[in-house]
Amino acid sequence: QLQASGGGLVQAGGSLRLSCAGSGRTFSTSNIAWFRQAPGKEREFVAVIRWSGATTVYAASVKGRFTISRDNAKNTVYLEMNSLKPEDTAIYYCAAGLSPTVALRSAGYDYWGQGTLVTVSS
């Protein structure tokens, strides 16, 4: 199971840190990604971190502003979001993938959290 938290309302230019807490023995050996879905739009990839933490990939729209990290001892993945923009407003989901391949599409993930809402006001 995955539990996403940390969303909220923030002004443009502000910061938030999302957390994705996992349970079960597979969390530390799973690639973990963040996706987001804005109202009326399709779910889109945000960032992913390999199970070891050795590889991270970001969507172009968030690169340089967002940082994904993980603490396998705590079964938690973080998404640090800085310089937030109104277009970052969305429900953010974390997902776990059992395949060793780092996937950028939602089909590459096996388990999903319930989502946490991020609202950025202008």
PDB file of N, CA and C in Angstrom:
ATOM      1  N   GLN A   1       0.835  -1.204   0.000  1.00  0.00           N
ATOM      2  CA  GLN A   1       0.000   0.000   0.000  1.00  0.00           C
ATOM      3  C   GLN A   1       0.865   1.248   0.000  1.00  0.00           C
ATOM      4  N   LEU A   2       0.361   2.281  -0.663  1.00  0.00           N
ATOM      5  CA  LEU A   2       1.047   3.562  -0.721  1.00  0.00           C
ATOM      6  C   LEU A   2       0.130   4.648  -0.175  1.00  0.00           C
ATOM      7  N   GLN A   3       0.719   5.556   0.594  1.00  0.00           N
ATOM      8  CA  GLN A   3      -0.043   6.650   1.184  1.00  0.00           C
ATOM      9  C   GLN A   3       0.667   7.949   0.863  1.00  0.00           C
ATOM     10  N   ALA A   4       0.024   8.775   0.032  1.00  0.00           N
ATOM     11  CA  ALA A   4       0.591  10.073  -0.320  1.00  0.00           C
ATOM     12  C   ALA A   4       0.054  11.134   0.630  1.00  0.00           C
ATOM     13  N   SER A   5       0.907  12.077   0.992  1.00  0.00           N
ATOM     14  CA  SER A   5       0.498  13.156   1.881  1.00  0.00           C
ATOM     15  C   SER A   5       1.361  14.388   1.626  1.00  0.00           C
ATOM     16  N   GLY A   6       0.958  15.504   2.236  1.00  0.00           N
ATOM     17  CA  GLY A   6       1.750  16.721   2.138  1.00  0.00           C
ATOM     18  C   GLY A   6       1.186  17.791   1.230  1.00  0.00           C
ATOM     19  N   GLY A   7       0.103  17.493   0.540  1.00  0.00           N
ATOM     20  CA  GLY A   7      -0.487  18.489  -0.335  1.00  0.00           C
ATOM     21  C   GLY A   7      -1.118  19.626   0.456  1.00  0.00           C
ATOM     22  N   GLY A   8      -1.489  20.669  -0.256  1.00  0.00           N
ATOM     23  CA  GLY A   8      -2.119  21.809   0.386  1.00  0.00           C
ATOM     24  C   GLY A   8      -2.204  22.993  -0.542  1.00  0.00           C
ATOM     25  N   LEU A   9      -2.538  24.132   0.027  1.00  0.00           N
ATOM     26  CA  LEU A   9      -2.668  25.375  -0.727  1.00  0.00           C
ATOM     27  C   LEU A   9      -1.426  26.227  -0.492  1.00  0.00           C
ATOM     28  N   VAL A  10      -0.818  26.695  -1.567  1.00  0.00           N
ATOM     29  CA  VAL A  10       0.389  27.502  -1.457  1.00  0.00           C
ATOM     30  C   VAL A  10       0.353  28.592  -2.521  1.00  0.00           C
ATOM     31  N   GLN A  11       0.983  29.699  -2.245  1.00  0.00           N
ATOM     32  CA  GLN A  11       1.049  30.776  -3.238  1.00  0.00           C
ATOM     33  C   GLN A  11       2.130  30.469  -4.276  1.00  0.00           C
ATOM     34  N   ALA A  12       1.968  31.052  -5.444  1.00  0.00           N
ATOM     35  CA  ALA A  12       2.970  30.901  -6.489  1.00  0.00           C
ATOM     36  C   ALA A  12       4.330  31.335  -5.968  1.00  0.00           C
ATOM     37  N   GLY A  13       5.347  30.551  -6.298  1.00  0.00           N
ATOM     38  CA  GLY A  13       6.687  30.816  -5.805  1.00  0.00           C
ATOM     39  C   GLY A  13       7.020  30.080  -4.517  1.00  0.00           C
ATOM     40  N   GLY A  14       6.010  29.503  -3.900  1.00  0.00           N
ATOM     41  CA  GLY A  14       6.203  28.796  -2.644  1.00  0.00           C
ATOM     42  C   GLY A  14       6.681  27.371  -2.830  1.00  0.00           C
ATOM     43  N   SER A  15       6.746  26.643  -1.713  1.00  0.00           N
ATOM     44  CA  SER A  15       7.266  25.278  -1.710  1.00  0.00           C
ATOM     45  C   SER A  15       6.352  24.340  -0.926  1.00  0.00           C
ATOM     46  N   LEU A  16       6.402  23.080  -1.298  1.00  0.00           N
ATOM     47  CA  LEU A  16       5.721  22.018  -0.573  1.00  0.00           C
ATOM     48  C   LEU A  16       6.578  20.767  -0.669  1.00  0.00           C
ATOM     49  N   ARG A  17       6.454  19.892   0.322  1.00  0.00           N
ATOM     50  CA  ARG A  17       7.114  18.595   0.245  1.00  0.00           C
ATOM     51  C   ARG A  17       6.055  17.505   0.383  1.00  0.00           C
ATOM     52  N   LEU A  18       5.958  16.682  -0.638  1.00  0.00           N
ATOM     53  CA  LEU A  18       5.053  15.552  -0.608  1.00  0.00           C
ATOM     54  C   LEU A  18       5.793  14.320  -0.111  1.00  0.00           C
ATOM     55  N   SER A  19       5.057  13.452   0.555  1.00  0.00           N
ATOM     56  CA  SER A  19       5.617  12.195   1.024  1.00  0.00           C
ATOM     57  C   SER A  19       4.774  11.043   0.496  1.00  0.00           C
ATOM     58  N   CYS A  20       5.447   9.933   0.215  1.00  0.00           N
ATOM     59  CA  CYS A  20       4.776   8.710  -0.200  1.00  0.00           C
ATOM     60  C   CYS A  20       5.292   7.610   0.717  1.00  0.00           C
ATOM     61  N   ALA A  21       4.449   7.174   1.636  1.00  0.00           N
ATOM     62  CA  ALA A  21       4.841   6.139   2.586  1.00  0.00           C
ATOM     63  C   ALA A  21       4.341   4.793   2.092  1.00  0.00           C
ATOM     64  N   GLY A  22       5.234   3.813   2.112  1.00  0.00           N
ATOM     65  CA  GLY A  22       4.868   2.492   1.637  1.00  0.00           C
ATOM     66  C   GLY A  22       4.923   1.456   2.739  1.00  0.00           C
ATOM     67  N   SER A  23       4.165   0.413   2.541  1.00  0.00           N
ATOM     68  CA  SER A  23       4.215  -0.724   3.457  1.00  0.00           C
ATOM     69  C   SER A  23       4.510  -1.975   2.654  1.00  0.00           C
ATOM     70  N   GLY A  24       5.077  -2.955   3.317  1.00  0.00           N
ATOM     71  CA  GLY A  24       5.414  -4.179   2.607  1.00  0.00           C
ATOM     72  C   GLY A  24       6.888  -4.248   2.250  1.00  0.00           C
ATOM     73  N   ARG A  25       7.341  -5.462   2.037  1.00  0.00           N
ATOM     74  CA  ARG A  25       8.767  -5.679   1.809  1.00  0.00           C
ATOM     75  C   ARG A  25       9.229  -5.253   0.427  1.00  0.00           C
ATOM     76  N   THR A  26       8.293  -5.046  -0.512  1.00  0.00           N
ATOM     77  CA  THR A  26       8.699  -4.718  -1.875  1.00  0.00           C
ATOM     78  C   THR A  26       8.981  -3.234  -2.083  1.00  0.00           C
ATOM     79  N   PHE A  27       8.623  -2.384  -1.132  1.00  0.00           N
ATOM     80  CA  PHE A  27       8.783  -0.946  -1.343  1.00  0.00           C
ATOM     81  C   PHE A  27      10.237  -0.593  -1.619  1.00  0.00           C
ATOM     82  N   SER A  28      11.138  -1.130  -0.824  1.00  0.00           N
ATOM     83  CA  SER A  28      12.546  -0.755  -0.955  1.00  0.00           C
ATOM     84  C   SER A  28      13.179  -1.299  -2.236  1.00  0.00           C
ATOM     85  N   THR A  29      12.519  -2.207  -2.913  1.00  0.00           N
ATOM     86  CA  THR A  29      13.048  -2.746  -4.172  1.00  0.00           C
ATOM     87  C   THR A  29      12.210  -2.310  -5.369  1.00  0.00           C
ATOM     88  N   SER A  30      11.344  -1.333  -5.170  1.00  0.00           N
ATOM     89  CA  SER A  30      10.482  -0.818  -6.240  1.00  0.00           C
ATOM     90  C   SER A  30      10.916   0.564  -6.677  1.00  0.00           C
ATOM     91  N   ASN A  31      10.826   0.803  -7.981  1.00  0.00           N
ATOM     92  CA  ASN A  31      10.960   2.178  -8.470  1.00  0.00           C
ATOM     93  C   ASN A  31       9.695   2.930  -8.060  1.00  0.00           C
ATOM     94  N   ILE A  32       9.854   4.154  -7.607  1.00  0.00           N
ATOM     95  CA  ILE A  32       8.713   4.956  -7.160  1.00  0.00           C
ATOM     96  C   ILE A  32       8.632   6.221  -8.004  1.00  0.00           C
ATOM     97  N   ALA A  33       7.431   6.488  -8.488  1.00  0.00           N
ATOM     98  CA  ALA A  33       7.211   7.664  -9.334  1.00  0.00           C
ATOM     99  C   ALA A  33       6.096   8.534  -8.775  1.00  0.00           C
ATOM    100  N   TRP A  34       6.133   9.781  -9.174  1.00  0.00           N
ATOM    101  CA  TRP A  34       5.030  10.712  -8.938  1.00  0.00           C
ATOM    102  C   TRP A  34       4.407  11.066 -10.285  1.00  0.00           C
ATOM    103  N   PHE A  35       3.096  11.027 -10.302  1.00  0.00           N
ATOM    104  CA  PHE A  35       2.316  11.499 -11.434  1.00  0.00           C
ATOM    105  C   PHE A  35       1.368  12.572 -10.906  1.00  0.00           C
ATOM    106  N   ARG A  36       0.807  13.336 -11.808  1.00  0.00           N
ATOM    107  CA  ARG A  36      -0.195  14.318 -11.386  1.00  0.00           C
ATOM    108  C   ARG A  36      -1.294  14.416 -12.433  1.00  0.00           C
ATOM    109  N   GLN A  37      -2.458  14.825 -11.957  1.00  0.00           N
ATOM    110  CA  GLN A  37      -3.599  14.994 -12.859  1.00  0.00           C
ATOM    111  C   GLN A  37      -4.321  16.272 -12.499  1.00  0.00           C
ATOM    112  N   ALA A  38      -4.313  17.198 -13.446  1.00  0.00           N
ATOM    113  CA  ALA A  38      -5.019  18.458 -13.270  1.00  0.00           C
ATOM    114  C   ALA A  38      -6.454  18.302 -13.750  1.00  0.00           C
ATOM    115  N   PRO A  39      -7.363  19.159 -13.284  1.00  0.00           N
ATOM    116  CA  PRO A  39      -8.762  19.064 -13.699  1.00  0.00           C
ATOM    117  C   PRO A  39      -8.904  19.118 -15.218  1.00  0.00           C
ATOM    118  N   GLY A  40      -9.603  18.146 -15.766  1.00  0.00           N
ATOM    119  CA  GLY A  40      -9.847  18.130 -17.197  1.00  0.00           C
ATOM    120  C   GLY A  40      -8.683  17.672 -18.046  1.00  0.00           C
ATOM    121  N   LYS A  41      -7.608  17.225 -17.402  1.00  0.00           N
ATOM    122  CA  LYS A  41      -6.417  16.801 -18.151  1.00  0.00           C
ATOM    123  C   LYS A  41      -6.072  15.355 -17.817  1.00  0.00           C
ATOM    124  N   GLU A  42      -5.256  14.771 -18.675  1.00  0.00           N
ATOM    125  CA  GLU A  42      -4.813  13.406 -18.433  1.00  0.00           C
ATOM    126  C   GLU A  42      -3.718  13.376 -17.359  1.00  0.00           C
ATOM    127  N   ARG A  43      -3.578  12.215 -16.752  1.00  0.00           N
ATOM    128  CA  ARG A  43      -2.514  12.027 -15.775  1.00  0.00           C
ATOM    129  C   ARG A  43      -1.172  12.124 -16.481  1.00  0.00           C
ATOM    130  N   GLU A  44      -0.225  12.842 -15.866  1.00  0.00           N
ATOM    131  CA  GLU A  44       1.080  13.003 -16.490  1.00  0.00           C
ATOM    132  C   GLU A  44       2.202  12.657 -15.520  1.00  0.00           C
ATOM    133  N   PHE A  45       3.287  12.195 -16.090  1.00  0.00           N
ATOM    134  CA  PHE A  45       4.480  11.844 -15.321  1.00  0.00           C
ATOM    135  C   PHE A  45       5.135  13.095 -14.769  1.00  0.00           C
ATOM    136  N   VAL A  46       5.630  12.998 -13.526  1.00  0.00           N
ATOM    137  CA  VAL A  46       6.332  14.103 -12.895  1.00  0.00           C
ATOM    138  C   VAL A  46       7.801  13.751 -12.636  1.00  0.00           C
ATOM    139  N   ALA A  47       8.018  12.639 -11.910  1.00  0.00           N
ATOM    140  CA  ALA A  47       9.387  12.257 -11.563  1.00  0.00           C
ATOM    141  C   ALA A  47       9.400  10.802 -11.120  1.00  0.00           C
ATOM    142  N   VAL A  48      10.559  10.185 -11.211  1.00  0.00           N
ATOM    143  CA  VAL A  48      10.724   8.802 -10.762  1.00  0.00           C
ATOM    144  C   VAL A  48      12.109   8.646 -10.159  1.00  0.00           C
ATOM    145  N   ILE A  49      12.191   7.730  -9.197  1.00  0.00           N
ATOM    146  CA  ILE A  49      13.477   7.390  -8.584  1.00  0.00           C
ATOM    147  C   ILE A  49      13.614   5.878  -8.560  1.00  0.00           C
ATOM    148  N   ARG A  50      14.781   5.415  -8.990  1.00  0.00           N
ATOM    149  CA  ARG A  50      15.043   3.979  -8.985  1.00  0.00           C
ATOM    150  C   ARG A  50      15.057   3.462  -7.552  1.00  0.00           C
ATOM    151  N   TRP A  51      14.842   2.159  -7.394  1.00  0.00           N
ATOM    152  CA  TRP A  51      14.757   1.567  -6.065  1.00  0.00           C
ATOM    153  C   TRP A  51      15.999   1.865  -5.233  1.00  0.00           C
ATOM    154  N   SER A  52      17.161   1.943  -5.886  1.00  0.00           N
ATOM    155  CA  SER A  52      18.417   2.184  -5.176  1.00  0.00           C
ATOM    156  C   SER A  52      18.657   3.660  -4.900  1.00  0.00           C
ATOM    157  N   GLY A  53      17.886   4.511  -5.565  1.00  0.00           N
ATOM    158  CA  GLY A  53      18.117   5.939  -5.450  1.00  0.00           C
ATOM    159  C   GLY A  53      19.174   6.459  -6.402  1.00  0.00           C
ATOM    160  N   ALA A  54      19.759   5.564  -7.185  1.00  0.00           N
ATOM    161  CA  ALA A  54      20.883   5.935  -8.041  1.00  0.00           C
ATOM    162  C   ALA A  54      20.454   6.704  -9.290  1.00  0.00           C
ATOM    163  N   THR A  55      19.191   6.568  -9.673  1.00  0.00           N
ATOM    164  CA  THR A  55      18.714   7.218 -10.900  1.00  0.00           C
ATOM    165  C   THR A  55      17.434   7.990 -10.614  1.00  0.00           C
ATOM    166  N   THR A  56      17.390   9.206 -11.119  1.00  0.00           N
ATOM    167  CA  THR A  56      16.167  10.005 -11.061  1.00  0.00           C
ATOM    168  C   THR A  56      15.903  10.585 -12.441  1.00  0.00           C
ATOM    169  N   VAL A  57      14.627  10.695 -12.772  1.00  0.00           N
ATOM    170  CA  VAL A  57      14.220  11.282 -14.049  1.00  0.00           C
ATOM    171  C   VAL A  57      13.079  12.249 -13.759  1.00  0.00           C
ATOM    172  N   TYR A  58      13.100  13.390 -14.447  1.00  0.00           N
ATOM    173  CA  TYR A  58      12.080  14.413 -14.227  1.00  0.00           C
ATOM    174  C   TYR A  58      11.411  14.791 -15.549  1.00  0.00           C
ATOM    175  N   ALA A  59      10.153  15.187 -15.443  1.00  0.00           N
ATOM    176  CA  ALA A  59       9.487  15.793 -16.592  1.00  0.00           C
ATOM    177  C   ALA A  59      10.126  17.155 -16.838  1.00  0.00           C
ATOM    178  N   ALA A  60      10.146  17.560 -18.085  1.00  0.00           N
ATOM    179  CA  ALA A  60      10.769  18.836 -18.437  1.00  0.00           C
ATOM    180  C   ALA A  60      10.113  20.007 -17.707  1.00  0.00           C
ATOM    181  N   SER A  61       8.833  19.888 -17.466  1.00  0.00           N
ATOM    182  CA  SER A  61       8.086  20.993 -16.848  1.00  0.00           C
ATOM    183  C   SER A  61       8.454  21.232 -15.389  1.00  0.00           C
ATOM    184  N   VAL A  62       9.094  20.255 -14.738  1.00  0.00           N
ATOM    185  CA  VAL A  62       9.419  20.401 -13.315  1.00  0.00           C
ATOM    186  C   VAL A  62      10.919  20.340 -13.048  1.00  0.00           C
ATOM    187  N   LYS A  63      11.708  19.995 -14.058  1.00  0.00           N
ATOM    188  CA  LYS A  63      13.144  19.851 -13.875  1.00  0.00           C
ATOM    189  C   LYS A  63      13.748  21.156 -13.392  1.00  0.00           C
ATOM    190  N   GLY A  64      14.565  21.061 -12.359  1.00  0.00           N
ATOM    191  CA  GLY A  64      15.185  22.241 -11.777  1.00  0.00           C
ATOM    192  C   GLY A  64      14.375  22.862 -10.655  1.00  0.00           C
ATOM    193  N   ARG A  65      13.116  22.449 -10.542  1.00  0.00           N
ATOM    194  CA  ARG A  65      12.252  22.982  -9.470  1.00  0.00           C
ATOM    195  C   ARG A  65      11.866  21.905  -8.461  1.00  0.00           C
ATOM    196  N   PHE A  66      11.717  20.668  -8.926  1.00  0.00           N
ATOM    197  CA  PHE A  66      11.299  19.557  -8.077  1.00  0.00           C
ATOM    198  C   PHE A  66      12.482  18.619  -7.870  1.00  0.00           C
ATOM    199  N   THR A  67      12.517  17.994  -6.679  1.00  0.00           N
ATOM    200  CA  THR A  67      13.539  17.007  -6.371  1.00  0.00           C
ATOM    201  C   THR A  67      12.886  15.792  -5.730  1.00  0.00           C
ATOM    202  N   ILE A  68      13.159  14.625  -6.296  1.00  0.00           N
ATOM    203  CA  ILE A  68      12.642  13.376  -5.741  1.00  0.00           C
ATOM    204  C   ILE A  68      13.770  12.685  -4.985  1.00  0.00           C
ATOM    205  N   SER A  69      13.429  12.120  -3.837  1.00  0.00           N
ATOM    206  CA  SER A  69      14.418  11.406  -3.029  1.00  0.00           C
ATOM    207  C   SER A  69      13.710  10.290  -2.280  1.00  0.00           C
ATOM    208  N   ARG A  70      14.493   9.406  -1.680  1.00  0.00           N
ATOM    209  CA  ARG A  70      13.873   8.304  -0.942  1.00  0.00           C
ATOM    210  C   ARG A  70      14.724   7.929   0.266  1.00  0.00           C
ATOM    211  N   ASP A  71      14.026   7.393   1.261  1.00  0.00           N
ATOM    212  CA  ASP A  71      14.654   6.863   2.458  1.00  0.00           C
ATOM    213  C   ASP A  71      14.095   5.458   2.635  1.00  0.00           C
ATOM    214  N   ASN A  72      14.822   4.472   2.167  1.00  0.00           N
ATOM    215  CA  ASN A  72      14.307   3.098   2.215  1.00  0.00           C
ATOM    216  C   ASN A  72      14.198   2.584   3.647  1.00  0.00           C
ATOM    217  N   ALA A  73      14.976   3.128   4.557  1.00  0.00           N
ATOM    218  CA  ALA A  73      14.862   2.710   5.954  1.00  0.00           C
ATOM    219  C   ALA A  73      13.506   3.106   6.527  1.00  0.00           C
ATOM    220  N   LYS A  74      12.928   4.180   5.961  1.00  0.00           N
ATOM    221  CA  LYS A  74      11.624   4.659   6.421  1.00  0.00           C
ATOM    222  C   LYS A  74      10.511   4.289   5.446  1.00  0.00           C
ATOM    223  N   ASN A  75      10.866   3.559   4.377  1.00  0.00           N
ATOM    224  CA  ASN A  75       9.871   3.209   3.348  1.00  0.00           C
ATOM    225  C   ASN A  75       9.129   4.448   2.860  1.00  0.00           C
ATOM    226  N   THR A  76       9.869   5.501   2.579  1.00  0.00           N
ATOM    227  CA  THR A  76       9.253   6.759   2.179  1.00  0.00           C
ATOM    228  C   THR A  76      10.007   7.395   1.017  1.00  0.00           C
ATOM    229  N   VAL A  77       9.239   7.930   0.091  1.00  0.00           N
ATOM    230  CA  VAL A  77       9.767   8.723  -1.014  1.00  0.00           C
ATOM    231  C   VAL A  77       9.221  10.131  -0.878  1.00  0.00           C
ATOM    232  N   TYR A  78      10.070  11.106  -1.185  1.00  0.00           N
ATOM    233  CA  TYR A  78       9.695  12.508  -1.048  1.00  0.00           C
ATOM    234  C   TYR A  78       9.726  13.200  -2.407  1.00  0.00           C
ATOM    235  N   LEU A  79       8.883  14.220  -2.534  1.00  0.00           N
ATOM    236  CA  LEU A  79       8.945  15.098  -3.694  1.00  0.00           C
ATOM    237  C   LEU A  79       8.979  16.527  -3.169  1.00  0.00           C
ATOM    238  N   GLU A  80      10.156  17.127  -3.230  1.00  0.00           N
ATOM    239  CA  GLU A  80      10.336  18.507  -2.809  1.00  0.00           C
ATOM    240  C   GLU A  80      10.002  19.398  -3.990  1.00  0.00           C
ATOM    241  N   MET A  81       9.024  20.276  -3.811  1.00  0.00           N
ATOM    242  CA  MET A  81       8.558  21.127  -4.907  1.00  0.00           C
ATOM    243  C   MET A  81       8.813  22.587  -4.556  1.00  0.00           C
ATOM    244  N   ASN A  82       9.634  23.237  -5.342  1.00  0.00           N
ATOM    245  CA  ASN A  82       9.980  24.640  -5.133  1.00  0.00           C
ATOM    246  C   ASN A  82       9.530  25.479  -6.326  1.00  0.00           C
ATOM    247  N   SER A  83       9.503  26.775  -6.123  1.00  0.00           N
ATOM    248  CA  SER A  83       9.104  27.718  -7.185  1.00  0.00           C
ATOM    249  C   SER A  83       7.809  27.269  -7.853  1.00  0.00           C
ATOM    250  N   LEU A  84       6.841  26.941  -7.047  1.00  0.00           N
ATOM    251  CA  LEU A  84       5.588  26.412  -7.569  1.00  0.00           C
ATOM    252  C   LEU A  84       4.854  27.442  -8.415  1.00  0.00           C
ATOM    253  N   LYS A  85       4.171  26.928  -9.430  1.00  0.00           N
ATOM    254  CA  LYS A  85       3.420  27.758 -10.363  1.00  0.00           C
ATOM    255  C   LYS A  85       1.965  27.323 -10.347  1.00  0.00           C
ATOM    256  N   PRO A  86       1.054  28.208 -10.732  1.00  0.00           N
ATOM    257  CA  PRO A  86      -0.363  27.810 -10.777  1.00  0.00           C
ATOM    258  C   PRO A  86      -0.595  26.559 -11.640  1.00  0.00           C
ATOM    259  N   GLU A  87       0.196  26.384 -12.686  1.00  0.00           N
ATOM    260  CA  GLU A  87       0.024  25.213 -13.544  1.00  0.00           C
ATOM    261  C   GLU A  87       0.490  23.913 -12.894  1.00  0.00           C
ATOM    262  N   ASP A  88       1.074  23.995 -11.704  1.00  0.00           N
ATOM    263  CA  ASP A  88       1.419  22.787 -10.950  1.00  0.00           C
ATOM    264  C   ASP A  88       0.219  22.269 -10.153  1.00  0.00           C
ATOM    265  N   THR A  89      -0.864  23.015 -10.151  1.00  0.00           N
ATOM    266  CA  THR A  89      -2.072  22.595  -9.442  1.00  0.00           C
ATOM    267  C   THR A  89      -2.594  21.289 -10.006  1.00  0.00           C
ATOM    268  N   ALA A  90      -2.744  20.287  -9.133  1.00  0.00           N
ATOM    269  CA  ALA A  90      -3.191  18.962  -9.564  1.00  0.00           C
ATOM    270  C   ALA A  90      -3.301  18.056  -8.347  1.00  0.00           C
ATOM    271  N   ILE A  91      -3.876  16.889  -8.580  1.00  0.00           N
ATOM    272  CA  ILE A  91      -3.787  15.810  -7.603  1.00  0.00           C
ATOM    273  C   ILE A  91      -2.512  15.042  -7.931  1.00  0.00           C
ATOM    274  N   TYR A  92      -1.677  14.863  -6.933  1.00  0.00           N
ATOM    275  CA  TYR A  92      -0.406  14.168  -7.109  1.00  0.00           C
ATOM    276  C   TYR A  92      -0.521  12.754  -6.553  1.00  0.00           C
ATOM    277  N   TYR A  93      -0.120  11.799  -7.378  1.00  0.00           N
ATOM    278  CA  TYR A  93      -0.169  10.385  -7.025  1.00  0.00           C
ATOM    279  C   TYR A  93       1.230   9.798  -7.006  1.00  0.00           C
ATOM    280  N   CYS A  94       1.493   8.924  -6.037  1.00  0.00           N
ATOM    281  CA  CYS A  94       2.728   8.157  -6.103  1.00  0.00           C
ATOM    282  C   CYS A  94       2.387   6.736  -6.541  1.00  0.00           C
ATOM    283  N   ALA A  95       3.351   6.114  -7.181  1.00  0.00           N
ATOM    284  CA  ALA A  95       3.140   4.783  -7.738  1.00  0.00           C
ATOM    285  C   ALA A  95       4.418   3.966  -7.601  1.00  0.00           C
ATOM    286  N   ALA A  96       4.250   2.677  -7.421  1.00  0.00           N
ATOM    287  CA  ALA A  96       5.387   1.767  -7.265  1.00  0.00           C
ATOM    288  C   ALA A  96       5.426   0.789  -8.424  1.00  0.00           C
ATOM    289  N   GLY A  97       6.603   0.611  -8.988  1.00  0.00           N
ATOM    290  CA  GLY A  97       6.791  -0.317 -10.088  1.00  0.00           C
ATOM    291  C   GLY A  97       7.745  -1.434  -9.704  1.00  0.00           C
ATOM    292  N   LEU A  98       7.345  -2.672  -9.940  1.00  0.00           N
ATOM    293  CA  LEU A  98       8.165  -3.823  -9.576  1.00  0.00           C
ATOM    294  C   LEU A  98       9.226  -4.138 -10.625  1.00  0.00           C
ATOM    295  N   SER A  99       9.007  -3.673 -11.850  1.00  0.00           N
ATOM    296  CA  SER A  99       9.983  -3.933 -12.894  1.00  0.00           C
ATOM    297  C   SER A  99      11.247  -3.131 -12.640  1.00  0.00           C
ATOM    298  N   PRO A 100      12.424  -3.672 -12.966  1.00  0.00           N
ATOM    299  CA  PRO A 100      13.670  -2.922 -12.803  1.00  0.00           C
ATOM    300  C   PRO A 100      13.798  -1.769 -13.795  1.00  0.00           C
ATOM    301  N   THR A 101      12.983  -1.760 -14.836  1.00  0.00           N
ATOM    302  CA  THR A 101      13.031  -0.676 -15.821  1.00  0.00           C
ATOM    303  C   THR A 101      12.370   0.582 -15.259  1.00  0.00           C
ATOM    304  N   VAL A 102      13.051   1.700 -15.391  1.00  0.00           N
ATOM    305  CA  VAL A 102      12.473   2.967 -14.949  1.00  0.00           C
ATOM    306  C   VAL A 102      11.454   3.415 -15.987  1.00  0.00           C
ATOM    307  N   ALA A 103      10.186   3.431 -15.611  1.00  0.00           N
ATOM    308  CA  ALA A 103       9.109   3.739 -16.547  1.00  0.00           C
ATOM    309  C   ALA A 103       8.651   5.188 -16.407  1.00  0.00           C
ATOM    310  N   LEU A 104       8.272   5.763 -17.536  1.00  0.00           N
ATOM    311  CA  LEU A 104       7.776   7.137 -17.543  1.00  0.00           C
ATOM    312  C   LEU A 104       6.278   7.199 -17.836  1.00  0.00           C
ATOM    313  N   ARG A 105       5.673   6.036 -18.001  1.00  0.00           N
ATOM    314  CA  ARG A 105       4.241   5.985 -18.266  1.00  0.00           C
ATOM    315  C   ARG A 105       3.535   5.262 -17.130  1.00  0.00           C
ATOM    316  N   SER A 106       2.289   5.608 -16.911  1.00  0.00           N
ATOM    317  CA  SER A 106       1.546   5.045 -15.798  1.00  0.00           C
ATOM    318  C   SER A 106       1.384   3.542 -15.915  1.00  0.00           C
ATOM    319  N   ALA A 107       1.374   3.021 -17.157  1.00  0.00           N
ATOM    320  CA  ALA A 107       1.210   1.577 -17.355  1.00  0.00           C
ATOM    321  C   ALA A 107       2.373   0.783 -16.779  1.00  0.00           C
ATOM    322  N   GLY A 108       3.473   1.441 -16.493  1.00  0.00           N
ATOM    323  CA  GLY A 108       4.643   0.747 -15.974  1.00  0.00           C
ATOM    324  C   GLY A 108       4.646   0.565 -14.467  1.00  0.00           C
ATOM    325  N   TYR A 109       3.530   0.926 -13.814  1.00  0.00           N
ATOM    326  CA  TYR A 109       3.456   0.876 -12.358  1.00  0.00           C
ATOM    327  C   TYR A 109       2.359  -0.044 -11.887  1.00  0.00           C
ATOM    328  N   ASP A 110       2.642  -0.717 -10.767  1.00  0.00           N
ATOM    329  CA  ASP A 110       1.765  -1.782 -10.296  1.00  0.00           C
ATOM    330  C   ASP A 110       0.866  -1.361  -9.138  1.00  0.00           C
ATOM    331  N   TYR A 111       1.319  -0.423  -8.345  1.00  0.00           N
ATOM    332  CA  TYR A 111       0.545  -0.004  -7.168  1.00  0.00           C
ATOM    333  C   TYR A 111       0.477   1.521  -7.140  1.00  0.00           C
ATOM    334  N   TRP A 112      -0.672   2.023  -6.705  1.00  0.00           N
ATOM    335  CA  TRP A 112      -0.912   3.463  -6.674  1.00  0.00           C
ATOM    336  C   TRP A 112      -1.426   3.895  -5.319  1.00  0.00           C
ATOM    337  N   GLY A 113      -1.008   5.100  -4.900  1.00  0.00           N
ATOM    338  CA  GLY A 113      -1.564   5.717  -3.720  1.00  0.00           C
ATOM    339  C   GLY A 113      -2.840   6.454  -4.063  1.00  0.00           C
ATOM    340  N   GLN A 114      -3.466   7.040  -3.069  1.00  0.00           N
ATOM    341  CA  GLN A 114      -4.781   7.648  -3.259  1.00  0.00           C
ATOM    342  C   GLN A 114      -4.720   9.076  -3.775  1.00  0.00           C
ATOM    343  N   GLY A 115      -3.552   9.702  -3.766  1.00  0.00           N
ATOM    344  CA  GLY A 115      -3.410  11.065  -4.264  1.00  0.00           C
ATOM    345  C   GLY A 115      -3.517  12.110  -3.167  1.00  0.00           C
ATOM    346  N   THR A 116      -2.822  13.221  -3.400  1.00  0.00           N
ATOM    347  CA  THR A 116      -2.882  14.363  -2.494  1.00  0.00           C
ATOM    348  C   THR A 116      -2.978  15.628  -3.339  1.00  0.00           C
ATOM    349  N   LEU A 117      -3.873  16.530  -2.946  1.00  0.00           N
ATOM    350  CA  LEU A 117      -4.175  17.701  -3.768  1.00  0.00           C
ATOM    351  C   LEU A 117      -3.196  18.840  -3.484  1.00  0.00           C
ATOM    352  N   VAL A 118      -2.619  19.359  -4.543  1.00  0.00           N
ATOM    353  CA  VAL A 118      -1.759  20.540  -4.470  1.00  0.00           C
ATOM    354  C   VAL A 118      -2.440  21.668  -5.235  1.00  0.00           C
ATOM    355  N   THR A 119      -2.645  22.790  -4.572  1.00  0.00           N
ATOM    356  CA  THR A 119      -3.264  23.952  -5.197  1.00  0.00           C
ATOM    357  C   THR A 119      -2.312  25.129  -5.072  1.00  0.00           C
ATOM    358  N   VAL A 120      -1.947  25.713  -6.208  1.00  0.00           N
ATOM    359  CA  VAL A 120      -1.039  26.854  -6.229  1.00  0.00           C
ATOM    360  C   VAL A 120      -1.825  28.067  -6.701  1.00  0.00           C
ATOM    361  N   SER A 121      -1.914  29.058  -5.845  1.00  0.00           N
ATOM    362  CA  SER A 121      -2.671  30.268  -6.186  1.00  0.00           C
ATOM    363  C   SER A 121      -1.743  31.321  -6.790  1.00  0.00           C
ATOM    364  N   SER A 122      -2.305  32.113  -7.680  1.00  0.00           N
ATOM    365  CA  SER A 122      -1.494  33.142  -8.358  1.00  0.00           C
ATOM    366  C   SER A 122      -1.489  34.445  -7.598  1.00  0.00           C
TER     367      SER A 122
END
